[in-house]
Amino acid sequence: MTSFVLTVQCASKRGIVAAISGFLAENGCNITDAAQYDDLETGHFFTRITFTAETGASPDSLRDGFAPIAQSFDMTWGIHDSGTRMKVLLMVSNFGHCLNDLLYRWRIGALPVDLVGVVSNHMTYQKVVVNNDLPFYHINVTKANKPEAEARLMEVVESSGAELIVLARYMQVLSDALCTKMSGRIINIHHSFLPSFKGANPYKQAYTRGVKLIGATAHYVTADLDEGPIIEQDTVRVTHAQSPSDYVSLGRDVEAQVLARAVHAHAQHRVFQNGHRTVVFPASPGAYASDRMG
């Protein structure tokens, strides 16, 4: 039995669920997990359904059969083979906590992706990347060569087949053109102090102001810097007895965890953009266990 994921978003109408379940039943498919959300404010409907199909069913044949139904409801949709892992390209500068965390999770099978390489504007983590048997691409970025650097980045994306770019503390601002071209396909991570503490040493600024919660935000990258639709967030509590360096250490831990959860959700097709927000469905039962076994 082959397992698939069906994702659908469209204007909310009567009969959507019936049409989907009817199609799956008629094609010998069995629903194993389903989540749906009807946004009453925007009038949009979202659903993610995992199902198994009889031997011989292919994503292409299922897509061909479902296309008329999708057209009738004007759906944005996809049918994905659960056994095919998303190709992901990582980008990093000089802070390696998120990179190392993602590499470890990928290496032990806890992150359901195929890493296709790491891009950096520095040489700091070349050895780490190469030791993980991954391609390392050094693309230096300056104000003068930024268009050429981004063109080189897109060459790497296209040649590697990368479906998602993850900015694992990559400290260069991407151009509006690149953000538009890769809309919904770039995830970034940063501390959650924004917009309160901008610029250098945000954790020192937070310490000075007596902040009691440190957090991290993972979001899709848009032309609006650090303001894209949020995928995942978390916080950790701090006290007056802790130092600015403690804040930094705790912040790095929560950043790594939040980014990993965001990548996991996107790779499993659990995230839907809903205007400036997202709909994020929970993982299917056994999803994390099956990833570890992969």
Protein backbone atom coordinates (compact mmCIF):
# COMPACT_ATOMS: atom_id res chain seq x y z
CA MET A 1 0.00 0.00 0.00
CA THR A 2 1.28 3.43 -0.95
CA SER A 3 0.63 6.44 1.31
CA PHE A 4 -0.24 9.90 -0.01
CA VAL A 5 -1.05 13.38 1.30
CA LEU A 6 -3.79 15.49 -0.27
CA THR A 7 -3.76 19.23 0.47
CA VAL A 8 -6.61 21.52 -0.51
CA GLN A 9 -7.48 25.17 0.02
CA CYS A 10 -10.32 27.04 -1.62
CA ALA A 11 -13.35 29.18 -0.96
CA SER A 12 -15.63 27.49 1.55
CA LYS A 13 -18.61 25.78 -0.11
CA ARG A 14 -20.96 22.93 0.66
CA GLY A 15 -19.96 19.57 -0.74
CA ILE A 16 -16.15 19.87 -0.66
CA VAL A 17 -15.54 17.11 1.88
CA ALA A 18 -18.12 14.86 0.23
CA ALA A 19 -16.50 15.32 -3.16
CA ILE A 20 -13.04 14.54 -1.80
CA SER A 21 -14.06 11.50 0.23
CA GLY A 22 -16.18 10.21 -2.63
CA PHE A 23 -13.27 10.43 -5.05
CA LEU A 24 -10.95 8.60 -2.67
CA ALA A 25 -13.48 5.83 -2.01
CA GLU A 26 -14.18 5.36 -5.71
CA ASN A 27 -10.46 4.97 -6.38
CA GLY A 28 -9.86 2.33 -3.73
CA CYS A 29 -8.24 4.68 -1.23
CA ASN A 30 -8.54 4.59 2.54
CA ILE A 31 -8.31 7.78 4.62
CA THR A 32 -5.89 7.31 7.55
CA ASP A 33 -5.87 10.86 8.94
CA ALA A 34 -7.74 14.08 8.16
CA ALA A 35 -7.63 17.66 9.42
CA GLN A 36 -9.68 20.60 8.21
CA TYR A 37 -10.29 24.22 9.06
CA ASP A 38 -13.00 26.59 7.86
CA ASP A 39 -11.93 30.21 8.35
CA LEU A 40 -15.20 32.04 8.92
CA GLU A 41 -13.46 35.41 8.76
CA THR A 42 -11.95 34.96 5.29
CA GLY A 43 -14.37 32.36 3.94
CA HIS A 44 -11.54 29.97 3.07
CA PHE A 45 -11.46 26.22 3.60
CA PHE A 46 -8.30 24.19 4.29
CA THR A 47 -7.80 20.45 4.58
CA ARG A 48 -4.96 17.94 4.72
CA ILE A 49 -5.80 14.27 4.25
CA THR A 50 -3.46 11.30 4.41
CA PHE A 51 -4.63 8.16 2.66
CA THR A 52 -3.41 4.83 1.38
CA ALA A 53 -4.03 3.53 -2.11
CA GLU A 54 -4.02 0.11 -3.66
CA THR A 55 -0.79 -1.08 -5.23
CA GLY A 56 -0.34 0.47 -8.66
CA ALA A 57 -1.79 3.87 -7.88
CA SER A 58 0.60 6.68 -8.73
CA PRO A 59 0.54 10.38 -7.82
CA ASP A 60 0.09 11.25 -11.50
CA SER A 61 -2.92 8.98 -12.00
CA LEU A 62 -4.54 10.27 -8.82
CA ARG A 63 -3.87 13.86 -9.84
CA ASP A 64 -5.40 13.29 -13.26
CA GLY A 65 -8.52 11.83 -11.68
CA PHE A 66 -8.86 14.56 -9.04
CA ALA A 67 -8.26 17.50 -11.42
CA PRO A 68 -11.93 17.88 -12.52
CA ILE A 69 -13.09 18.02 -8.91
CA ALA A 70 -10.41 20.57 -8.06
CA GLN A 71 -11.42 22.68 -11.03
CA SER A 72 -15.08 22.63 -10.06
CA PHE A 73 -14.26 24.09 -6.63
CA ASP A 74 -11.40 26.31 -7.86
CA MET A 75 -8.99 24.59 -5.48
CA THR A 76 -5.32 25.17 -4.85
CA TRP A 77 -4.27 21.60 -4.22
CA GLY A 78 -1.62 18.92 -4.35
CA ILE A 79 -1.25 15.14 -4.05
CA HIS A 80 2.11 14.12 -2.60
CA ASP A 81 3.71 10.70 -2.23
CA SER A 82 4.52 10.34 1.48
CA GLY A 83 7.59 8.29 0.61
CA THR A 84 9.16 11.12 -1.39
CA ARG A 85 11.12 13.49 0.82
CA MET A 86 11.28 17.21 0.10
CA LYS A 87 14.64 18.52 -1.15
CA VAL A 88 15.93 21.27 1.15
CA LEU A 89 18.82 23.72 0.78
CA LEU A 90 20.24 25.28 3.95
CA MET A 91 21.83 28.71 4.18
CA VAL A 92 24.02 29.93 7.07
CA SER A 93 26.45 32.70 7.97
CA ASN A 94 28.54 32.66 11.16
CA PHE A 95 26.11 31.33 13.79
CA GLY A 96 25.94 27.55 13.53
CA HIS A 97 23.47 26.41 16.21
CA CYS A 98 20.52 26.02 13.83
CA LEU A 99 22.66 24.47 11.11
CA ASN A 100 24.16 21.90 13.48
CA ASP A 101 20.75 21.06 14.92
CA LEU A 102 19.20 20.50 11.49
CA LEU A 103 22.17 18.42 10.33
CA TYR A 104 21.90 16.20 13.41
CA ARG A 105 18.15 15.71 13.07
CA TRP A 106 18.59 14.91 9.37
CA ARG A 107 21.45 12.50 10.04
CA ILE A 108 19.46 10.43 12.57
CA GLY A 109 16.32 10.44 10.41
CA ALA A 110 14.27 12.74 12.65
CA LEU A 111 13.80 15.39 9.95
CA PRO A 112 11.77 14.13 6.96
CA VAL A 113 13.77 15.89 4.23
CA ASP A 114 16.61 15.30 1.80
CA LEU A 115 19.29 17.93 2.34
CA VAL A 116 20.86 18.85 -0.98
CA GLY A 117 23.56 21.24 0.23
CA VAL A 118 24.51 24.26 2.30
CA VAL A 119 25.11 27.79 1.00
CA SER A 120 27.12 30.30 3.02
CA ASN A 121 28.61 33.74 2.57
CA HIS A 122 31.49 32.60 4.84
CA MET A 123 33.80 29.57 5.00
CA THR A 124 33.17 28.98 8.72
CA TYR A 125 31.14 25.78 8.36
CA GLN A 126 32.64 24.29 5.23
CA LYS A 127 34.32 21.42 7.12
CA VAL A 128 31.15 20.66 9.11
CA VAL A 129 29.10 20.45 5.92
CA VAL A 130 31.62 18.39 3.97
CA ASN A 131 31.97 15.98 6.91
CA ASN A 132 28.23 15.36 6.57
CA ASP A 133 28.78 14.39 2.92
CA LEU A 134 26.87 17.42 1.64
CA PRO A 135 27.87 19.94 -1.04
CA PHE A 136 29.09 23.28 0.34
CA TYR A 137 28.58 26.39 -1.79
CA HIS A 138 30.48 29.53 -0.82
CA ILE A 139 28.73 32.57 -2.29
CA ASN A 140 30.28 35.81 -1.14
CA VAL A 141 27.78 38.68 -0.93
CA THR A 142 28.56 42.39 -1.09
CA LYS A 143 26.49 45.43 -1.98
CA ALA A 144 28.23 45.54 -5.35
CA ASN A 145 27.73 41.87 -6.33
CA LYS A 146 24.36 41.07 -4.75
CA PRO A 147 22.51 40.48 -8.07
CA GLU A 148 25.28 38.14 -9.25
CA ALA A 149 25.33 36.35 -5.89
CA GLU A 150 21.58 35.76 -5.97
CA ALA A 151 21.80 34.56 -9.56
CA ARG A 152 24.39 32.02 -8.40
CA LEU A 153 22.10 31.00 -5.54
CA MET A 154 19.27 30.35 -7.99
CA GLU A 155 21.62 28.23 -10.09
CA VAL A 156 22.27 26.08 -7.01
CA VAL A 157 18.52 25.86 -6.29
CA GLU A 158 17.73 24.77 -9.83
CA SER A 159 20.64 22.34 -10.24
CA SER A 160 19.99 20.68 -6.87
CA GLY A 161 16.22 20.54 -7.33
CA ALA A 162 15.72 22.29 -3.98
CA GLU A 163 12.04 22.77 -3.14
CA LEU A 164 12.66 24.73 0.06
CA ILE A 165 15.36 27.12 1.28
CA VAL A 166 15.95 27.30 5.03
CA LEU A 167 17.77 30.34 6.38
CA ALA A 168 19.52 28.76 9.38
CA ARG A 169 20.76 32.11 10.69
CA TYR A 170 21.78 33.44 7.28
CA MET A 171 22.49 37.10 7.96
CA GLN A 172 22.03 38.61 4.51
CA VAL A 173 18.81 40.33 3.43
CA LEU A 174 17.36 38.75 0.29
CA SER A 175 16.15 40.99 -2.52
CA ASP A 176 12.46 41.64 -3.13
CA ALA A 177 12.76 39.90 -6.49
CA LEU A 178 14.14 36.71 -4.95
CA CYS A 179 11.54 36.76 -2.16
CA THR A 180 8.78 37.06 -4.76
CA LYS A 181 10.21 34.32 -6.99
CA MET A 182 10.56 31.91 -4.06
CA SER A 183 7.35 32.93 -2.28
CA GLY A 184 6.28 30.26 0.20
CA ARG A 185 9.54 28.37 -0.31
CA ILE A 186 11.92 30.17 2.08
CA ILE A 187 11.76 29.81 5.87
CA ASN A 188 13.66 32.12 8.24
CA ILE A 189 14.30 32.06 12.00
CA HIS A 190 14.93 34.96 14.34
CA HIS A 191 14.46 35.98 17.96
CA SER A 192 10.96 37.16 18.89
CA PHE A 193 11.98 40.53 20.33
CA LEU A 194 11.18 42.26 17.04
CA PRO A 195 10.14 44.97 16.54
CA SER A 196 11.07 46.06 20.09
CA PHE A 197 14.80 45.35 20.04
CA LYS A 198 16.28 45.92 16.61
CA GLY A 199 19.88 46.03 15.49
CA ALA A 200 22.95 44.76 17.32
CA ASN A 201 22.93 42.81 20.60
CA PRO A 202 19.16 42.28 20.94
CA TYR A 203 19.66 39.95 23.92
CA LYS A 204 21.69 42.62 25.73
CA GLN A 205 18.90 45.09 25.00
CA ALA A 206 16.37 42.61 26.38
CA TYR A 207 18.47 42.06 29.49
CA THR A 208 18.72 45.80 30.08
CA ARG A 209 14.95 46.13 29.86
CA GLY A 210 14.31 43.21 32.23
CA VAL A 211 12.60 40.92 29.74
CA LYS A 212 11.15 37.78 31.36
CA LEU A 213 10.47 35.70 28.23
CA ILE A 214 12.85 34.88 25.40
CA GLY A 215 11.33 33.55 22.20
CA ALA A 216 11.93 32.60 18.59
CA THR A 217 9.83 32.92 15.44
CA ALA A 218 10.01 30.87 12.24
CA HIS A 219 8.22 32.39 9.28
CA TYR A 220 8.04 32.48 5.51
CA VAL A 221 10.27 35.10 3.93
CA THR A 222 8.60 37.99 2.14
CA ALA A 223 9.75 41.36 0.86
CA ASP A 224 8.68 42.79 4.24
CA LEU A 225 11.73 42.05 6.38
CA ASP A 226 10.98 39.61 9.24
CA GLU A 227 7.23 40.10 8.78
CA GLY A 228 6.23 37.06 6.73
CA PRO A 229 3.48 34.60 7.76
CA ILE A 230 4.47 32.90 11.02
CA ILE A 231 4.78 29.11 11.03
CA GLU A 232 6.06 28.33 14.53
CA GLN A 233 6.98 30.13 17.76
CA ASP A 234 8.09 29.24 21.26
CA THR A 235 9.38 30.90 24.43
CA VAL A 236 11.57 30.17 27.43
CA ARG A 237 11.38 32.00 30.77
CA VAL A 238 14.36 33.92 32.18
CA THR A 239 14.90 35.57 35.56
CA HIS A 240 16.71 38.55 37.01
CA ALA A 241 19.52 36.25 38.14
CA GLN A 242 20.57 35.33 34.61
CA SER A 243 23.16 37.19 32.56
CA PRO A 244 23.06 38.45 28.96
CA SER A 245 25.17 35.44 27.94
CA ASP A 246 22.55 33.14 29.52
CA TYR A 247 19.92 34.91 27.42
CA VAL A 248 21.95 34.23 24.29
CA SER A 249 22.41 30.52 25.11
CA LEU A 250 18.73 30.02 25.87
CA GLY A 251 17.78 31.98 22.77
CA ARG A 252 19.92 29.77 20.55
CA ASP A 253 18.29 26.64 21.97
CA VAL A 254 14.77 27.86 21.33
CA GLU A 255 15.69 29.13 17.85
CA ALA A 256 16.98 25.69 16.86
CA GLN A 257 13.88 23.92 18.15
CA VAL A 258 11.43 26.32 16.55
CA LEU A 259 13.16 26.21 13.16
CA ALA A 260 13.25 22.39 13.17
CA ARG A 261 9.52 22.22 13.93
CA ALA A 262 8.74 24.71 11.17
CA VAL A 263 10.78 22.76 8.59
CA HIS A 264 9.14 19.51 9.71
CA ALA A 265 5.66 21.01 9.29
CA HIS A 266 6.41 22.44 5.85
CA ALA A 267 8.05 19.23 4.63
CA GLN A 268 4.98 17.24 5.62
CA HIS A 269 2.67 19.65 3.79
CA ARG A 270 0.99 20.73 7.03
CA VAL A 271 1.32 24.50 6.48
CA PHE A 272 -1.12 26.60 4.46
CA GLN A 273 -0.70 30.32 3.90
CA ASN A 274 -3.85 32.22 4.82
CA GLY A 275 -3.21 35.83 3.91
CA HIS A 276 -0.74 37.22 6.44
CA ARG A 277 -1.28 34.19 8.67
CA THR A 278 -0.85 30.44 8.36
CA VAL A 279 -2.94 27.37 9.08
CA VAL A 280 -0.68 24.70 10.57
CA PHE A 281 -2.21 21.26 11.08
CA PRO A 282 -0.76 18.90 13.69
CA ALA A 283 1.44 16.00 12.64
CA SER A 284 -0.31 12.79 11.69
CA PRO A 285 -0.23 10.01 14.31
CA GLY A 286 3.12 8.25 14.21
CA ALA A 287 4.71 10.87 11.95
CA TYR A 288 7.75 11.48 14.14
CA ALA A 289 8.26 7.78 14.81
CA SER A 290 8.13 6.94 11.10
CA ASP A 291 10.63 9.71 10.36
CA ARG A 292 13.08 8.23 12.84
CA MET A 293 12.69 4.84 11.25
CA GLY A 294 13.28 6.35 7.80
